[in-house]
C-alpha atoms as a PDB file:
ATOM      1  CA  MET A   1      58.155  44.974  79.693  1.00  0.00           C
ATOM      2  CA  HIS A   2      56.156  43.602  82.519  1.00  0.00           C
ATOM      3  CA  LYS A   3      56.036  39.801  83.129  1.00  0.00           C
ATOM      4  CA  THR A   4      52.248  39.934  82.494  1.00  0.00           C
ATOM      5  CA  ASP A   5      52.934  41.642  79.170  1.00  0.00           C
ATOM      6  CA  LYS A   6      55.406  39.181  78.024  1.00  0.00           C
ATOM      7  CA  VAL A   7      52.849  36.555  78.735  1.00  0.00           C
ATOM      8  CA  ARG A   8      50.456  38.571  77.016  1.00  0.00           C
ATOM      9  CA  LEU A   9      52.489  38.978  74.062  1.00  0.00           C
ATOM     10  CA  LEU A  10      53.288  35.127  74.014  1.00  0.00           C
ATOM     11  CA  VAL A  11      49.759  34.034  74.235  1.00  0.00           C
ATOM     12  CA  PHE A  12      48.310  36.384  71.836  1.00  0.00           C
ATOM     13  CA  THR A  13      50.988  35.903  69.173  1.00  0.00           C
ATOM     14  CA  THR A  14      50.827  32.151  69.377  1.00  0.00           C
ATOM     15  CA  VAL A  15      46.988  32.115  69.280  1.00  0.00           C
ATOM     16  CA  PHE A  16      46.692  34.672  66.370  1.00  0.00           C
ATOM     17  CA  GLY A  17      49.583  32.780  64.447  1.00  0.00           C
ATOM     18  CA  ALA A  18      48.307  29.294  64.936  1.00  0.00           C
ATOM     19  CA  LEU A  19      44.874  30.771  63.695  1.00  0.00           C
ATOM     20  CA  TRP A  20      46.743  32.291  60.747  1.00  0.00           C
ATOM     21  CA  GLY A  21      48.606  29.007  59.958  1.00  0.00           C
ATOM     22  CA  ILE A  22      45.781  27.030  60.130  1.00  0.00           C
ATOM     23  CA  VAL A  23      43.669  29.119  57.863  1.00  0.00           C
ATOM     24  CA  GLU A  24      46.749  28.925  55.583  1.00  0.00           C
ATOM     25  CA  MET A  25      47.107  24.826  55.942  1.00  0.00           C
ATOM     26  CA  LEU A  26      43.135  24.384  55.476  1.00  0.00           C
ATOM     27  CA  ALA A  27      41.744  27.039  53.212  1.00  0.00           C
ATOM     28  CA  GLY A  28      45.039  28.118  51.301  1.00  0.00           C
ATOM     29  CA  THR A  29      45.715  24.488  50.271  1.00  0.00           C
ATOM     30  CA  TRP A  30      42.303  23.824  49.174  1.00  0.00           C
ATOM     31  CA  LEU A  31      41.737  27.043  47.093  1.00  0.00           C
ATOM     32  CA  HIS A  32      45.292  26.169  45.595  1.00  0.00           C
ATOM     33  CA  MET A  33      44.188  22.884  44.653  1.00  0.00           C
ATOM     34  CA  MET A  34      41.112  23.979  43.351  1.00  0.00           C
ATOM     35  CA  LYS A  35      43.165  26.577  41.138  1.00  0.00           C
ATOM     36  CA  PHE A  36      40.903  29.486  42.468  1.00  0.00           C
ATOM     37  CA  PRO A  37      42.016  32.995  41.284  1.00  0.00           C
ATOM     38  CA  PHE A  38      43.961  35.231  43.633  1.00  0.00           C
ATOM     39  CA  THR A  39      43.937  32.399  46.122  1.00  0.00           C
ATOM     40  CA  SER A  40      47.478  33.779  47.345  1.00  0.00           C
ATOM     41  CA  THR A  41      45.973  37.347  47.482  1.00  0.00           C
ATOM     42  CA  LEU A  42      42.978  36.250  49.472  1.00  0.00           C
ATOM     43  CA  MET A  43      45.482  34.204  51.895  1.00  0.00           C
ATOM     44  CA  ALA A  44      47.701  37.158  52.510  1.00  0.00           C
ATOM     45  CA  ALA A  45      44.285  39.677  52.939  1.00  0.00           C
ATOM     46  CA  ALA A  46      43.006  37.250  55.684  1.00  0.00           C
ATOM     47  CA  GLY A  47      46.455  37.058  57.332  1.00  0.00           C
ATOM     48  CA  GLY A  48      46.753  40.978  57.144  1.00  0.00           C
ATOM     49  CA  VAL A  49      43.360  40.992  59.162  1.00  0.00           C
ATOM     50  CA  ILE A  50      44.588  38.521  61.533  1.00  0.00           C
ATOM     51  CA  LEU A  51      47.475  40.390  62.109  1.00  0.00           C
ATOM     52  CA  CYS A  52      45.652  43.718  62.841  1.00  0.00           C
ATOM     53  CA  VAL A  53      43.262  41.980  65.174  1.00  0.00           C
ATOM     54  CA  GLU A  54      46.233  40.563  66.701  1.00  0.00           C
ATOM     55  CA  ARG A  55      47.912  44.072  67.312  1.00  0.00           C
ATOM     56  CA  SER A  56      44.677  45.267  68.974  1.00  0.00           C
ATOM     57  CA  TYR A  57      45.391  42.729  71.680  1.00  0.00           C
ATOM     58  CA  THR A  58      49.132  43.221  71.859  1.00  0.00           C
ATOM     59  CA  PRO A  59      50.163  46.647  70.546  1.00  0.00           C
ATOM     60  CA  VAL A  60      53.800  45.970  70.992  1.00  0.00           C
ATOM     61  CA  ARG A  61      56.662  46.235  68.668  1.00  0.00           C
ATOM     62  CA  GLY A  62      57.484  42.781  67.134  1.00  0.00           C
ATOM     63  CA  ALA A  63      54.263  41.321  67.880  1.00  0.00           C
ATOM     64  CA  ALA A  64      53.366  40.708  64.004  1.00  0.00           C
ATOM     65  CA  LEU A  65      56.596  38.977  63.379  1.00  0.00           C
ATOM     66  CA  TYR A  66      56.101  36.643  66.222  1.00  0.00           C
ATOM     67  CA  THR A  67      52.716  36.071  65.035  1.00  0.00           C
ATOM     68  CA  GLY A  68      54.012  35.487  61.444  1.00  0.00           C
ATOM     69  CA  LEU A  69      56.987  33.131  62.484  1.00  0.00           C
ATOM     70  CA  THR A  70      54.009  30.922  64.118  1.00  0.00           C
ATOM     71  CA  ALA A  71      51.870  30.894  61.170  1.00  0.00           C
ATOM     72  CA  VAL A  72      55.169  30.059  59.000  1.00  0.00           C
ATOM     73  CA  CYS A  73      55.732  26.906  61.291  1.00  0.00           C
ATOM     74  CA  PHE A  74      52.167  25.777  60.471  1.00  0.00           C
ATOM     75  CA  LYS A  75      52.085  26.424  57.006  1.00  0.00           C
ATOM     76  CA  LEU A  76      55.381  24.261  56.421  1.00  0.00           C
ATOM     77  CA  LEU A  77      53.052  21.317  57.944  1.00  0.00           C
ATOM     78  CA  SER A  78      50.548  21.641  55.302  1.00  0.00           C
ATOM     79  CA  PRO A  79      50.724  19.571  52.312  1.00  0.00           C
ATOM     80  CA  GLY A  80      51.439  20.827  48.931  1.00  0.00           C
ATOM     81  CA  ALA A  81      54.714  21.999  47.038  1.00  0.00           C
ATOM     82  CA  SER A  82      53.708  25.501  47.244  1.00  0.00           C
ATOM     83  CA  SER A  83      54.432  25.357  51.299  1.00  0.00           C
ATOM     84  CA  ILE A  84      58.094  26.965  50.886  1.00  0.00           C
ATOM     85  CA  GLY A  85      56.872  29.755  48.733  1.00  0.00           C
ATOM     86  CA  SER A  86      53.895  30.396  50.823  1.00  0.00           C
ATOM     87  CA  ALA A  87      55.827  30.476  54.066  1.00  0.00           C
ATOM     88  CA  ILE A  88      58.313  32.823  52.748  1.00  0.00           C
ATOM     89  CA  GLY A  89      55.078  35.068  51.549  1.00  0.00           C
ATOM     90  CA  ILE A  90      53.934  34.846  55.184  1.00  0.00           C
ATOM     91  CA  ALA A  91      57.143  35.712  56.601  1.00  0.00           C
ATOM     92  CA  ILE A  92      57.505  38.898  54.213  1.00  0.00           C
ATOM     93  CA  GLU A  93      53.791  39.738  55.027  1.00  0.00           C
ATOM     94  CA  ALA A  94      54.463  39.932  58.737  1.00  0.00           C
ATOM     95  CA  ALA A  95      57.632  42.033  57.905  1.00  0.00           C
ATOM     96  CA  MET A  96      55.499  44.506  56.015  1.00  0.00           C
ATOM     97  CA  ALA A  97      52.754  44.466  58.628  1.00  0.00           C
ATOM     98  CA  GLU A  98      55.015  44.946  61.565  1.00  0.00           C
ATOM     99  CA  ALA A  99      56.705  48.158  59.823  1.00  0.00           C
ATOM    100  CA  VAL A 100      53.308  49.655  58.994  1.00  0.00           C
ATOM    101  CA  LEU A 101      51.607  48.831  62.258  1.00  0.00           C
ATOM    102  CA  THR A 102      55.076  50.332  64.139  1.00  0.00           C
ATOM    103  CA  LEU A 103      55.120  53.390  62.086  1.00  0.00           C
ATOM    104  CA  LEU A 104      51.369  54.176  62.003  1.00  0.00           C
ATOM    105  CA  GLY A 105      50.265  52.840  65.152  1.00  0.00           C
ATOM    106  CA  VAL A 106      47.306  50.819  65.891  1.00  0.00           C
ATOM    107  CA  ASN A 107      44.450  52.849  64.292  1.00  0.00           C
ATOM    108  CA  SER A 108      41.805  52.539  61.096  1.00  0.00           C
ATOM    109  CA  LEU A 109      44.457  53.822  58.870  1.00  0.00           C
ATOM    110  CA  SER A 110      47.092  51.548  59.620  1.00  0.00           C
ATOM    111  CA  PHE A 111      44.647  48.540  59.604  1.00  0.00           C
ATOM    112  CA  PHE A 112      43.702  49.468  56.120  1.00  0.00           C
ATOM    113  CA  VAL A 113      47.020  50.456  54.669  1.00  0.00           C
ATOM    114  CA  THR A 114      48.484  47.000  56.343  1.00  0.00           C
ATOM    115  CA  VAL A 115      46.053  45.023  54.597  1.00  0.00           C
ATOM    116  CA  LEU A 116      46.410  46.536  51.493  1.00  0.00           C
ATOM    117  CA  LEU A 117      50.076  46.306  51.294  1.00  0.00           C
ATOM    118  CA  VAL A 118      50.274  42.600  52.254  1.00  0.00           C
ATOM    119  CA  SER A 119      47.609  41.995  49.447  1.00  0.00           C
ATOM    120  CA  LEU A 120      50.159  43.383  47.032  1.00  0.00           C
ATOM    121  CA  GLU A 121      52.930  41.372  48.238  1.00  0.00           C
ATOM    122  CA  GLY A 122      52.153  38.865  45.735  1.00  0.00           C
ATOM    123  CA  ILE A 123      53.095  40.958  42.625  1.00  0.00           C
ATOM    124  CA  PRO A 124      56.889  41.192  43.419  1.00  0.00           C
ATOM    125  CA  HIS A 125      56.748  37.756  44.984  1.00  0.00           C
ATOM    126  CA  PHE A 126      55.576  36.228  41.659  1.00  0.00           C
ATOM    127  CA  PHE A 127      58.590  37.862  40.076  1.00  0.00           C
ATOM    128  CA  VAL A 128      61.159  37.444  42.451  1.00  0.00           C
ATOM    129  CA  SER A 129      60.325  33.754  43.120  1.00  0.00           C
ATOM    130  CA  GLY A 130      59.971  33.063  39.378  1.00  0.00           C
ATOM    131  CA  TRP A 131      63.436  34.451  38.767  1.00  0.00           C
ATOM    132  CA  LEU A 132      65.015  32.514  41.606  1.00  0.00           C
ATOM    133  CA  LEU A 133      63.457  29.181  40.691  1.00  0.00           C
ATOM    134  CA  TYR A 134      63.801  29.393  36.769  1.00  0.00           C
ATOM    135  CA  GLY A 135      66.317  32.234  36.140  1.00  0.00           C
ATOM    136  CA  ARG A 136      66.058  35.395  34.578  1.00  0.00           C
ATOM    137  CA  GLY A 137      64.801  33.791  31.112  1.00  0.00           C
ATOM    138  CA  ILE A 138      61.541  32.737  32.437  1.00  0.00           C
ATOM    139  CA  PHE A 139      60.385  36.427  31.990  1.00  0.00           C
ATOM    140  CA  ASP A 140      61.266  35.916  28.219  1.00  0.00           C
ATOM    141  CA  ALA A 141      59.505  32.857  28.081  1.00  0.00           C
ATOM    142  CA  TYR A 142      56.348  34.699  29.561  1.00  0.00           C
ATOM    143  CA  LEU A 143      56.616  37.132  26.724  1.00  0.00           C
ATOM    144  CA  LYS A 144      57.052  34.701  23.916  1.00  0.00           C
ATOM    145  CA  VAL A 145      54.033  32.684  25.013  1.00  0.00           C
ATOM    146  CA  ALA A 146      51.878  36.127  25.544  1.00  0.00           C
ATOM    147  CA  LYS A 147      52.750  37.027  21.922  1.00  0.00           C
ATOM    148  CA  GLN A 148      52.181  33.906  20.572  1.00  0.00           C
ATOM    149  CA  MET A 149      48.706  33.441  21.942  1.00  0.00           C
ATOM    150  CA  GLN A 150      47.883  37.109  20.912  1.00  0.00           C
ATOM    151  CA  GLY A 151      48.839  36.194  17.534  1.00  0.00           C
ATOM    152  CA  PHE A 152      46.948  32.984  17.693  1.00  0.00           C
ATOM    153  CA  PHE A 153      43.629  34.725  18.921  1.00  0.00           C
ATOM    154  CA  GLY A 154      44.206  38.021  17.071  1.00  0.00           C
ATOM    155  CA  VAL A 155      44.287  40.434  19.917  1.00  0.00           C
ATOM    156  CA  ASN A 156      46.019  43.693  20.097  1.00  0.00           C
ATOM    157  CA  PRO A 157      49.605  43.570  20.903  1.00  0.00           C
ATOM    158  CA  ASP A 158      49.392  45.477  24.096  1.00  0.00           C
ATOM    159  CA  PHE A 159      46.516  43.418  25.407  1.00  0.00           C
ATOM    160  CA  TRP A 160      49.179  42.110  27.644  1.00  0.00           C
ATOM    161  CA  LYS A 161      49.009  45.599  29.336  1.00  0.00           C
ATOM    162  CA  GLN A 162      45.385  45.140  29.972  1.00  0.00           C
ATOM    163  CA  ILE A 163      45.671  41.723  31.542  1.00  0.00           C
ATOM    164  CA  ALA A 164      48.586  43.307  34.063  1.00  0.00           C
ATOM    165  CA  ALA A 165      46.204  45.915  35.004  1.00  0.00           C
ATOM    166  CA  LEU A 166      43.355  43.379  35.631  1.00  0.00           C
ATOM    167  CA  TRP A 167      45.833  41.402  37.704  1.00  0.00           C
ATOM    168  CA  VAL A 168      47.078  44.255  39.890  1.00  0.00           C
ATOM    169  CA  GLY A 169      43.476  45.836  39.874  1.00  0.00           C
ATOM    170  CA  GLY A 170      42.384  42.399  41.569  1.00  0.00           C
ATOM    171  CA  HIS A 171      44.816  42.520  44.072  1.00  0.00           C
ATOM    172  CA  LEU A 172      43.915  46.051  45.027  1.00  0.00           C
ATOM    173  CA  LEU A 173      40.209  45.397  45.144  1.00  0.00           C
ATOM    174  CA  ILE A 174      40.913  42.315  47.311  1.00  0.00           C
ATOM    175  CA  GLY A 175      43.440  44.255  49.862  1.00  0.00           C
ATOM    176  CA  ALA A 176      40.765  47.081  49.779  1.00  0.00           C
ATOM    177  CA  LEU A 177      37.739  44.755  50.782  1.00  0.00           C
ATOM    178  CA  PHE A 178      39.806  42.938  53.376  1.00  0.00           C
ATOM    179  CA  GLY A 179      41.155  46.185  54.444  1.00  0.00           C
ATOM    180  CA  LEU A 180      37.706  47.584  55.341  1.00  0.00           C
ATOM    181  CA  ILE A 181      37.060  44.344  57.187  1.00  0.00           C
ATOM    182  CA  ALA A 182      40.267  45.013  59.422  1.00  0.00           C
ATOM    183  CA  VAL A 183      39.030  48.404  59.968  1.00  0.00           C
ATOM    184  CA  ARG A 184      35.609  47.153  61.205  1.00  0.00           C
ATOM    185  CA  ALA A 185      37.115  44.365  63.245  1.00  0.00           C
ATOM    186  CA  GLY A 186      39.589  47.114  64.934  1.00  0.00           C
ATOM    187  CA  LYS A 187      36.537  49.524  65.576  1.00  0.00           C
ATOM    188  CA  TYR A 188      34.526  46.451  67.318  1.00  0.00           C
ATOM    189  CA  LEU A 189      37.598  45.840  69.181  1.00  0.00           C
ATOM    190  CA  ARG A 190      38.018  49.350  70.587  1.00  0.00           C
ATOM    191  CA  LYS A 191      34.361  49.564  71.843  1.00  0.00           C
ATOM    192  CA  ILE A 192      34.298  46.360  73.795  1.00  0.00           C
END
């Protein structure tokens, strides 16, 4: 790698990482405080778009990881108790994006798949972080509360499956919409 390529890599990953981190700090914190639904998914999808756009400028292996590391540093400066979990999520999303963009290259398909996958990161993240923070019993507690609510409201015992499908569907919808934004941004950047 030439010296100019190294400088380009450093500048673009820092700029886009700072952008992602600031979006996480401001919009993410505000949306979490407002208890906005699917906040983490929206933030992951926005981060995925930023990673794809950044990769358009620096199509170099490892660029998404450097961008994610910068965003993590910014996120750790944000107020709120969710910073550590969000920072871990950002790191995982950057690693996922790096894997997809390295395997598939810089193109419309890789951009769509990248954003869709990082939008789904919140699903396993929810279960793993719940297990790490509260132990395996947290899932039994979730199921017990769900059954009590089903009994209280008189809904079908399999209603939780519909809620789970809605939850996963929301992640997929947001990921697909932001994936299309990434594809459009990539096409625009290729034209200029």
